[in-house]
Protein backbone atom coordinates (compact mmCIF):
# COMPACT_ATOMS: atom_id res chain seq x y z
CA MET A 1 0.00 0.00 0.00
CA ARG A 2 2.77 2.45 0.91
CA LEU A 3 4.68 1.53 -2.23
CA ASN A 4 1.61 2.15 -4.39
CA SER A 5 1.15 5.57 -2.82
CA ALA A 6 4.81 6.39 -3.37
CA ALA A 7 4.63 5.18 -6.98
CA MET A 8 1.73 7.53 -7.69
CA LYS A 9 3.64 10.43 -6.11
CA ILE A 10 6.71 9.62 -8.21
CA ALA A 11 4.60 9.43 -11.37
CA GLY A 12 3.20 12.85 -10.45
CA GLY A 13 6.67 14.37 -10.36
CA THR A 14 7.60 14.07 -6.69
CA PRO A 15 11.31 13.26 -6.22
CA VAL A 16 11.91 9.62 -5.25
CA ILE A 17 13.41 10.37 -1.84
CA GLU A 18 10.60 12.78 -0.96
CA ALA A 19 7.96 10.23 -1.99
CA ALA A 20 9.66 7.56 0.13
CA LEU A 21 9.77 9.83 3.19
CA ASN A 22 6.16 10.95 2.66
CA VAL A 23 4.88 7.38 2.91
CA GLY A 24 6.93 6.51 5.98
CA TYR A 25 10.24 5.06 4.81
CA VAL A 26 13.27 6.34 6.70
CA SER A 27 15.85 4.54 4.56
CA PRO A 28 16.04 5.36 0.83
CA PHE A 29 17.96 2.10 0.34
CA GLN A 30 15.18 0.03 1.91
CA PHE A 31 12.55 1.87 -0.11
CA SER A 32 14.40 1.29 -3.38
CA ARG A 33 14.95 -2.39 -2.58
CA GLU A 34 11.28 -3.00 -1.75
CA PHE A 35 10.12 -0.93 -4.73
CA LYS A 36 12.29 -2.98 -7.08
CA ARG A 37 11.03 -6.22 -5.56
CA LEU A 38 7.41 -5.19 -6.21
CA TYR A 39 7.73 -3.40 -9.56
CA GLY A 40 10.75 -5.19 -11.04
CA GLN A 41 12.69 -1.96 -11.58
CA SER A 42 14.16 0.87 -9.56
CA PRO A 43 11.98 3.86 -8.65
CA LYS A 44 13.94 6.05 -11.07
CA GLN A 45 13.56 3.56 -13.92
CA TRP A 46 9.84 3.31 -13.16
CA ARG A 47 9.49 7.11 -13.11
CA ASP A 48 11.25 7.41 -16.46
CA ARG A 49 8.94 4.84 -18.03
CA GLN A 50 5.88 6.59 -16.61
CA GLN A 51 7.02 9.88 -18.10
CA HIS A 52 7.49 8.26 -21.50
CA GLY A 53 3.97 6.83 -21.56
CA GLN A 54 4.83 3.25 -20.63
CA PHE A 55 2.41 3.06 -17.70
CA VAL A 56 2.78 0.00 -15.52
CA VAL A 57 1.10 -0.04 -12.10
């Protein structure tokens, strides 16, 4: 649930670290690791694909 909220924030233009902190993560490393486990790519890779119209949620 937190990762989904963060993903939507990232897609909306919020910086990755800010999105992670906003949903309760205190470690950017832990956030990135869990994000990659769920989405199969890093938060930055996911953001780039969202911005180029390759929406995957």
